[in-house]
Structures are given as structure tokens and as C-alpha cells.
Amino acid sequence: MELYLKLTLSILAGTAVFAPIAQAEEPIQPIRPVQQINLAQVELGKKLYFDPRLSKSGFISCNSCHNLSMGGTDNLKTSIGHNWQEGPINAPTVLNSSLNVAQFWDGRAADLKAQAGGPIANPGEMAASHTLAIDVLESIPAYRIEFKQVFDTDKVTIDEVTQAIAEFEKTLITPNSRFDQWLLGNKDALTAMELEGYQLFKSSGCIACHNGEAVGGNSFQKMGVVEPYQSPREAQGLAGVTGKDADRFKFKVPTLRNVEMTYPYFHDGEAQTLTQAVDIMGRLQLGKKFSDEENARIVAFLKTLTGDQPSFMMPILPPSTDKTPPPKPFG
């Protein structure tokens, strides 16, 4: 933690020098502090993120599927939405999502703000509409006051709602993993087995897609390069956005940050453990069958990518009034 604090202070002071770090040329970079943030929007966005009143039932919030105490996901193959509907795809983690090239597995949202409005109006998720969600928020005096203070507006719109949620999500980074400590010069941060796993991760070709600060999230790749991937769920991937047949089964490469916490794995949640995931990815993407020992070494490395989890007080949500529409039965 001391190394990370020193790095943070040097960045804020404008005196950070990264060249002397022995691991500076590695294809993975340590997560750096958020450079620009609007604290007023963050505090409002935090309330909205945890507020189930944005859903039609009054029971589902952003945190329901992207639980910040569970690695930013829900540890289900696919999430459960309105009226107990089973979703079509695995919920990706919200942690470090600001580092992604785009949002959702198929990249249909360009950024966090564009993503934030989707689940609210999705009939299989929160099942409200933007109009209904805004009506609820405007019926709560404390929210009207806070939106006025934060955005200087007398009328709440979905634009301010999604902006605030996105600003809060930008703070959900997880620095100071043991691997980051190693990157920052602490040679004792990793064991020999974990280092061997990292070297194998690189030499086998995993690093071609899983690189950068997020160890992924910065490209779209076909699932099943060497062998076709058999999935019980229908998902077109990037092709559903571009309409191009060449983009079928291309998905955003998931971040491997905190990956030991974000099981099950893949867009369909079919890999229950890291051992399974490493085996499948080795065979289907790289044409390589890892031995049990090699698999264990890679898994040991992956577990070093767990960083400091977001820490904050749970928000006290503004109380409803008699004019607030009552929740509808959930199921």
C-alpha cells in the first residue's frame, strides 16, 4: 500500500517518474488513480446506483447485478431481472469498467454514461422507462434539491441521471494488487510460482488480448479461434452491433482484474472456476493444452490481480413521499 500511496502523491504533484521502475516495460501496467472526478456528481451517482426505485418493481438497483461486495458482479451465470426473468448473458464486472474500450459484451454502449441508461429501460432487467424513473426521482424532494445543487437544473432528465451514475462508477477502480506492487518495484510481492505463472501467461500468448491496466477490456476478439466454442446461449457478440457476419462471436475481452472474485466466467457464465476457464481458453484460443501444473501456475498468477476493493459508507437514500409511486409486485 505504501508504494501505491507514494505513486498517487507523485502523480497529483506532477512529479511522477515511471522510467526507473524495473517492470515499466511489461505489457500490463499498474492501475493509476482517477485523474479527474466531480465529487458532487459522485455522491449523487452513488445514491442512484444503490436506489431500487429506478426499477419498475422498486426492488432492483444497479448494485443488484453489479454488487460491489462481490467483485462488481453477482456470481450468477446470468442475472435475474424483473419478474424473475433470467438474463441472456453474464453480468460483467463494474470494477475498473472505466478502463474498457466500450461497455457491454458486444460494445453497444460507447462509455459508462451510455451504459447506465440501458438497464433502467430494459424490460428484462429493471423494466422501468426513463420517463417513469424520472417521475419517481422528481417526486422525491431531496433528490430535486440535490440535482439542483449538482447540475443547476430545475428539471431532472435521464442525461443527468446517467452522468452521475457514470461519474460514481469511474471511482470503482481496484489498485494495489500484489501484481501492481511487483510492477512498482516490490520484488517480494509475488511468489516463485506466481511469477512462473505470469511468464507462462506471456509466453503462451494470453497477453496478446489481456494487457494494459485492466488486463483486458481494450479489444474485441472471437470466442473460439482454434476450436469452435459451444454455448447453450445465443449471443451474436459484436455482430449484433455492426451487422457484419465477420463479427459473429466476437466479444469484448473481459478484464482479468479481480478475476478470482468474478466467477462464473465467459459471456455465458459456463466456466465455473478459473481452472476451467484457463483450460478452455488455452485450447480454444491458443491451441494449447496446459498441464495441471501449468494451469495451476497461471491460476496462481491470476489471483495476484485482486486489488483493493471500493470502500465507502453505504448511502442514505432520500426518503419517498406520499406522492412517490409505490413499488409494483416483484414477480
Protein backbone atom coordinates (compact mmCIF):
# COMPACT_ATOMS: atom_id res chain seq x y z
CA MET A 1 0.00 0.00 0.00
CA GLU A 2 2.88 2.36 0.78
CA LEU A 3 4.18 2.10 -2.78
CA TYR A 4 0.77 2.94 -4.19
CA LEU A 5 0.31 5.93 -1.89
CA LYS A 6 3.69 7.30 -2.93
CA LEU A 7 2.75 6.85 -6.59
CA THR A 8 -0.60 8.58 -6.04
CA LEU A 9 1.00 11.57 -4.33
CA SER A 10 3.67 11.89 -7.01
CA ILE A 11 1.05 11.84 -9.78
CA LEU A 12 -1.05 14.50 -8.07
CA ALA A 13 2.06 16.63 -7.54
CA GLY A 14 3.09 16.17 -11.15
CA THR A 15 6.43 14.66 -10.17
CA ALA A 16 5.82 11.02 -11.05
CA VAL A 17 8.66 9.38 -12.94
CA PHE A 18 7.97 5.86 -14.18
CA ALA A 19 11.10 5.06 -16.16
CA PRO A 20 13.22 3.80 -13.23
CA ILE A 21 10.69 1.10 -12.36
CA ALA A 22 12.24 -2.25 -13.34
CA GLN A 23 8.93 -3.64 -14.62
CA ALA A 24 7.97 -0.50 -16.59
CA GLU A 25 8.24 -2.29 -19.94
CA GLU A 26 5.79 -5.04 -19.00
CA PRO A 27 2.65 -5.39 -21.17
CA ILE A 28 0.50 -4.93 -18.06
CA GLN A 29 0.53 -1.57 -16.29
CA PRO A 30 -0.43 -0.79 -12.70
CA ILE A 31 -3.80 0.87 -12.18
CA ARG A 32 -3.35 4.58 -11.58
CA PRO A 33 -5.57 6.89 -9.55
CA VAL A 34 -8.55 8.58 -11.19
CA GLN A 35 -7.20 11.80 -12.65
CA GLN A 36 -10.38 13.91 -12.84
CA ILE A 37 -13.58 13.48 -10.88
CA ASN A 38 -16.60 15.58 -9.92
CA LEU A 39 -17.18 14.74 -6.27
CA ALA A 40 -20.71 16.19 -6.15
CA GLN A 41 -21.75 14.03 -9.10
CA VAL A 42 -20.04 11.02 -7.49
CA GLU A 43 -22.08 11.36 -4.29
CA LEU A 44 -25.34 11.72 -6.21
CA GLY A 45 -24.40 8.87 -8.53
CA LYS A 46 -23.67 6.62 -5.57
CA LYS A 47 -27.20 7.12 -4.26
CA LEU A 48 -28.69 6.42 -7.68
CA TYR A 49 -26.52 3.30 -8.12
CA PHE A 50 -27.96 1.78 -4.96
CA ASP A 51 -31.52 3.06 -5.35
CA PRO A 52 -34.03 0.33 -6.37
CA ARG A 53 -36.68 2.96 -7.07
CA LEU A 54 -35.18 3.38 -10.53
CA SER A 55 -36.70 -0.02 -11.36
CA LYS A 56 -40.35 -0.71 -12.13
CA SER A 57 -40.69 -3.13 -9.22
CA GLY A 58 -38.86 -0.93 -6.74
CA PHE A 59 -36.62 -3.86 -5.85
CA ILE A 60 -33.76 -3.87 -8.37
CA SER A 61 -30.84 -1.44 -8.34
CA CYS A 62 -27.60 -1.26 -10.33
CA ASN A 63 -25.94 -2.97 -7.39
CA SER A 64 -28.28 -5.97 -7.72
CA CYS A 65 -26.35 -7.31 -10.71
CA HIS A 66 -23.10 -5.45 -10.12
CA ASN A 67 -22.68 -5.99 -6.41
CA LEU A 68 -19.72 -4.06 -5.05
CA SER A 69 -19.23 -6.60 -2.27
CA MET A 70 -18.94 -9.43 -4.83
CA GLY A 71 -16.32 -8.15 -7.24
CA GLY A 72 -18.77 -5.86 -9.04
CA THR A 73 -20.90 -8.74 -10.34
CA ASP A 74 -23.48 -11.19 -8.97
CA ASN A 75 -21.65 -14.54 -9.32
CA LEU A 76 -24.54 -15.96 -11.36
CA LYS A 77 -24.32 -17.44 -14.85
CA THR A 78 -26.79 -14.79 -15.95
CA SER A 79 -28.52 -12.20 -13.82
CA ILE A 80 -32.10 -12.31 -12.57
CA GLY A 81 -34.19 -9.35 -13.69
CA HIS A 82 -37.76 -8.08 -13.48
CA ASN A 83 -40.39 -10.73 -12.69
CA TRP A 84 -37.56 -13.20 -12.03
CA GLN A 85 -36.55 -13.29 -15.68
CA GLU A 86 -33.23 -14.95 -16.37
CA GLY A 87 -30.97 -12.72 -18.40
CA PRO A 88 -29.36 -13.81 -21.68
CA ILE A 89 -25.74 -13.04 -20.77
CA ASN A 90 -23.31 -12.94 -17.83
CA ALA A 91 -23.08 -9.64 -15.98
CA PRO A 92 -19.57 -8.21 -16.47
CA THR A 93 -17.90 -6.59 -13.50
CA VAL A 94 -18.38 -2.86 -12.99
CA LEU A 95 -14.98 -2.63 -11.26
CA ASN A 96 -12.41 -0.87 -13.46
CA SER A 97 -15.07 -0.60 -16.18
CA SER A 98 -13.93 2.95 -16.94
CA LEU A 99 -10.83 1.36 -18.50
CA ASN A 100 -12.89 -0.55 -21.10
CA VAL A 101 -12.85 0.39 -24.76
CA ALA A 102 -16.66 0.15 -24.69
CA GLN A 103 -19.39 -1.21 -22.42
CA PHE A 104 -21.39 -4.46 -22.53
CA TRP A 105 -20.02 -7.69 -24.01
CA ASP A 106 -20.98 -6.54 -27.50
CA GLY A 107 -19.75 -2.97 -27.06
CA ARG A 108 -23.09 -1.38 -27.85
CA ALA A 109 -22.50 1.44 -25.35
CA ALA A 110 -19.56 3.70 -26.07
CA ASP A 111 -18.98 4.72 -22.47
CA LEU A 112 -20.25 4.41 -18.90
CA LYS A 113 -22.83 7.15 -19.34
CA ALA A 114 -24.36 5.43 -22.36
CA GLN A 115 -24.37 2.13 -20.49
CA ALA A 116 -26.06 3.47 -17.36
CA GLY A 117 -29.36 4.17 -19.08
CA GLY A 118 -29.71 0.76 -20.69
CA PRO A 119 -30.68 -1.50 -17.74
CA ILE A 120 -33.24 1.00 -16.40
CA ALA A 121 -35.39 0.69 -19.54
CA ASN A 122 -34.60 -2.92 -20.40
CA PRO A 123 -37.79 -4.99 -19.87
CA GLY A 124 -35.73 -7.97 -18.74
CA GLU A 125 -33.65 -6.01 -16.23
CA MET A 126 -35.05 -3.04 -14.28
CA ALA A 127 -38.05 -2.84 -16.63
CA ALA A 128 -38.88 0.81 -15.99
CA SER A 129 -38.76 3.54 -18.61
CA HIS A 130 -36.66 6.66 -18.48
CA THR A 131 -39.85 8.67 -18.10
CA LEU A 132 -41.03 6.59 -15.16
CA ALA A 133 -37.63 6.71 -13.46
CA ILE A 134 -37.50 10.50 -13.80
CA ASP A 135 -41.06 10.85 -12.48
CA VAL A 136 -40.04 8.88 -9.37
CA LEU A 137 -36.92 10.97 -8.79
CA GLU A 138 -38.76 14.26 -9.27
CA SER A 139 -41.37 13.13 -6.73
CA ILE A 140 -38.68 12.96 -4.03
CA PRO A 141 -37.86 16.44 -2.67
CA ALA A 142 -34.35 15.56 -1.52
CA TYR A 143 -33.43 14.37 -4.99
CA ARG A 144 -34.84 17.52 -6.61
CA ILE A 145 -32.71 19.63 -4.27
CA GLU A 146 -29.54 17.58 -4.90
CA PHE A 147 -29.96 17.60 -8.68
CA LYS A 148 -30.37 21.38 -8.49
CA GLN A 149 -27.19 21.68 -6.40
CA VAL A 150 -25.14 19.35 -8.58
CA PHE A 151 -26.36 20.22 -12.09
CA ASP A 152 -28.01 23.62 -11.54
CA THR A 153 -31.22 22.41 -13.16
CA ASP A 154 -34.83 22.61 -12.04
CA LYS A 155 -35.85 19.68 -14.22
CA VAL A 156 -34.26 16.25 -13.85
CA THR A 157 -33.55 14.37 -17.09
CA ILE A 158 -32.05 10.97 -17.85
CA ASP A 159 -28.93 12.80 -19.04
CA GLU A 160 -28.12 13.99 -15.51
CA VAL A 161 -29.03 10.60 -14.02
CA THR A 162 -26.68 8.65 -16.27
CA GLN A 163 -23.94 11.26 -15.94
CA ALA A 164 -24.00 10.98 -12.14
CA ILE A 165 -24.02 7.17 -12.16
CA ALA A 166 -21.13 7.11 -14.63
CA GLU A 167 -19.11 9.54 -12.52
CA PHE A 168 -19.56 7.28 -9.48
CA GLU A 169 -18.56 4.21 -11.50
CA LYS A 170 -15.35 5.97 -12.56
CA THR A 171 -14.22 5.78 -8.93
CA LEU A 172 -14.61 1.98 -8.80
CA ILE A 173 -11.02 1.12 -9.60
CA THR A 174 -9.06 -1.50 -7.67
CA PRO A 175 -5.39 -0.54 -7.33
CA ASN A 176 -2.65 -2.05 -5.18
CA SER A 177 -2.95 -5.67 -6.22
CA ARG A 178 0.10 -7.73 -5.37
CA PHE A 179 0.90 -7.80 -9.06
CA ASP A 180 0.77 -3.99 -9.15
CA GLN A 181 3.12 -3.90 -6.19
CA TRP A 182 5.51 -6.10 -8.15
CA LEU A 183 5.19 -3.84 -11.20
CA LEU A 184 6.01 -0.87 -8.98
CA GLY A 185 9.25 -2.44 -7.82
CA ASN A 186 8.45 -4.70 -4.88
CA LYS A 187 10.23 -7.89 -5.96
CA ASP A 188 8.93 -9.76 -2.90
CA ALA A 189 5.26 -9.17 -3.76
CA LEU A 190 4.95 -12.40 -5.78
CA THR A 191 5.96 -15.98 -5.08
CA ALA A 192 8.11 -18.03 -7.44
CA MET A 193 5.03 -19.99 -8.56
CA GLU A 194 3.09 -16.79 -9.31
CA LEU A 195 6.00 -15.37 -11.32
CA GLU A 196 6.27 -18.63 -13.25
CA GLY A 197 2.55 -18.35 -13.96
CA TYR A 198 2.99 -14.82 -15.29
CA GLN A 199 5.86 -15.87 -17.54
CA LEU A 200 3.74 -18.76 -18.87
CA PHE A 201 0.81 -16.35 -19.32
CA LYS A 202 3.05 -14.22 -21.54
CA SER A 203 4.88 -16.95 -23.42
CA SER A 204 1.67 -18.83 -24.22
CA GLY A 205 0.09 -15.79 -25.88
CA CYS A 206 -2.58 -14.89 -23.29
CA ILE A 207 -1.01 -11.45 -23.05
CA ALA A 208 -1.93 -10.65 -26.67
CA CYS A 209 -5.51 -9.93 -25.56
CA HIS A 210 -5.14 -9.47 -21.81
CA ASN A 211 -2.85 -6.47 -21.41
CA GLY A 212 -2.85 -2.85 -20.28
CA GLU A 213 -4.10 -1.50 -16.96
CA ALA A 214 -7.27 -3.59 -16.95
CA VAL A 215 -5.50 -6.74 -18.24
CA GLY A 216 -8.15 -6.83 -20.96
CA GLY A 217 -11.17 -4.77 -21.87
CA ASN A 218 -9.40 -2.95 -24.71
CA SER A 219 -10.30 -5.08 -27.74
CA PHE A 220 -12.90 -7.42 -29.26
CA GLN A 221 -11.88 -10.99 -30.07
CA LYS A 222 -13.58 -14.05 -31.48
CA MET A 223 -14.54 -16.68 -28.93
CA GLY A 224 -13.24 -19.94 -30.42
CA VAL A 225 -10.26 -19.19 -32.67
CA VAL A 226 -8.70 -22.66 -32.87
CA GLU A 227 -11.79 -24.67 -31.93
CA PRO A 228 -15.42 -23.50 -32.07
CA TYR A 229 -16.95 -22.60 -28.73
CA GLN A 230 -20.15 -24.45 -27.94
CA SER A 231 -22.54 -22.41 -25.82
CA PRO A 232 -26.08 -23.18 -24.66
CA ARG A 233 -26.95 -19.49 -25.04
CA GLU A 234 -27.46 -17.48 -28.18
CA ALA A 235 -25.27 -14.42 -28.37
CA GLN A 236 -24.01 -12.79 -31.55
CA GLY A 237 -21.46 -10.54 -29.89
CA LEU A 238 -20.18 -7.55 -31.82
CA ALA A 239 -22.13 -8.63 -34.92
CA GLY A 240 -25.33 -7.60 -33.15
CA VAL A 241 -23.99 -4.04 -33.19
CA THR A 242 -22.14 -3.85 -36.51
CA GLY A 243 -24.35 -6.19 -38.53
CA LYS A 244 -21.21 -7.77 -40.01
CA ASP A 245 -21.01 -11.55 -40.22
CA ALA A 246 -17.25 -11.33 -39.62
CA ASP A 247 -18.01 -10.01 -36.13
CA ARG A 248 -20.12 -13.01 -35.06
CA PHE A 249 -19.00 -14.42 -31.71
CA LYS A 250 -16.60 -11.52 -31.18
CA PHE A 251 -16.87 -10.27 -27.62
CA LYS A 252 -15.14 -7.60 -25.63
CA VAL A 253 -12.16 -9.19 -23.92
CA PRO A 254 -13.01 -9.16 -20.21
CA THR A 255 -10.72 -7.57 -17.67
CA LEU A 256 -8.80 -10.05 -15.54
CA ARG A 257 -8.57 -7.64 -12.63
CA ASN A 258 -10.14 -9.28 -9.52
CA VAL A 259 -10.89 -12.32 -11.68
CA GLU A 260 -10.86 -14.73 -8.74
CA MET A 261 -13.94 -12.86 -7.46
CA THR A 262 -15.92 -12.56 -10.69
CA TYR A 263 -16.88 -16.18 -11.35
CA PRO A 264 -18.51 -17.77 -13.29
CA TYR A 265 -16.62 -16.89 -16.45
CA PHE A 266 -17.20 -16.04 -20.14
CA HIS A 267 -20.19 -14.27 -21.67
CA ASP A 268 -22.41 -17.26 -20.88
CA GLY A 269 -21.03 -17.98 -17.41
CA GLU A 270 -20.34 -21.60 -18.36
CA ALA A 271 -16.87 -21.84 -16.76
CA GLN A 272 -17.36 -22.18 -13.02
CA THR A 273 -13.71 -21.99 -11.94
CA LEU A 274 -10.51 -20.33 -13.04
CA THR A 275 -9.03 -23.75 -13.69
CA GLN A 276 -11.83 -24.50 -16.16
CA ALA A 277 -11.51 -21.07 -17.76
CA VAL A 278 -7.75 -21.37 -18.27
CA ASP A 279 -8.14 -24.85 -19.76
CA ILE A 280 -10.87 -23.75 -22.20
CA MET A 281 -9.12 -20.56 -23.26
CA GLY A 282 -5.86 -22.42 -23.79
CA ARG A 283 -7.46 -24.99 -26.08
CA LEU A 284 -9.94 -22.78 -27.96
CA GLN A 285 -7.96 -19.57 -28.30
CA LEU A 286 -4.33 -20.72 -28.31
CA GLY A 287 -4.46 -24.36 -29.40
CA LYS A 288 -2.56 -25.31 -26.26
CA LYS A 289 -3.41 -27.95 -23.67
CA PHE A 290 -2.00 -26.78 -20.36
CA SER A 291 -0.82 -29.46 -17.97
CA ASP A 292 -2.29 -29.46 -14.48
CA GLU A 293 0.91 -27.86 -13.18
CA GLU A 294 0.92 -25.16 -15.86
CA ASN A 295 -2.75 -24.44 -15.25
CA ALA A 296 -2.14 -24.10 -11.51
CA ARG A 297 0.71 -21.66 -12.10
CA ILE A 298 -1.41 -19.44 -14.37
CA VAL A 299 -4.28 -19.50 -11.86
CA ALA A 300 -1.85 -18.54 -9.09
CA PHE A 301 -0.76 -15.53 -11.17
CA LEU A 302 -4.35 -14.51 -11.93
CA LYS A 303 -5.14 -14.39 -8.22
CA THR A 304 -2.44 -11.76 -7.73
CA LEU A 305 -4.58 -9.36 -9.81
CA THR A 306 -7.07 -8.82 -6.97
CA GLY A 307 -6.75 -5.22 -5.83
CA ASP A 308 -8.13 -3.03 -3.09
CA GLN A 309 -11.92 -3.17 -3.28
CA PRO A 310 -14.00 0.05 -3.25
CA SER A 311 -14.50 1.23 0.30
CA PHE A 312 -17.19 3.74 1.24
CA MET A 313 -20.17 4.24 3.51
CA MET A 314 -23.44 2.94 2.11
CA PRO A 315 -25.50 5.96 1.06
CA ILE A 316 -28.62 7.00 2.94
CA LEU A 317 -31.22 7.17 0.21
CA PRO A 318 -33.62 10.13 0.15
CA PRO A 319 -36.97 9.14 1.67
CA SER A 320 -40.01 8.73 -0.51
CA THR A 321 -43.09 10.89 -0.09
CA ASP A 322 -46.79 10.14 -0.35
CA LYS A 323 -46.57 11.20 -4.00
CA THR A 324 -43.88 8.66 -4.84
CA PRO A 325 -45.36 5.83 -6.96
CA PRO A 326 -45.45 2.64 -4.85
CA PRO A 327 -43.36 -0.37 -5.84
CA LYS A 328 -45.12 -2.93 -8.01
CA PRO A 329 -45.09 -6.61 -7.08
CA PHE A 330 -41.79 -8.28 -7.94
CA GLY A 331 -42.97 -11.50 -9.55
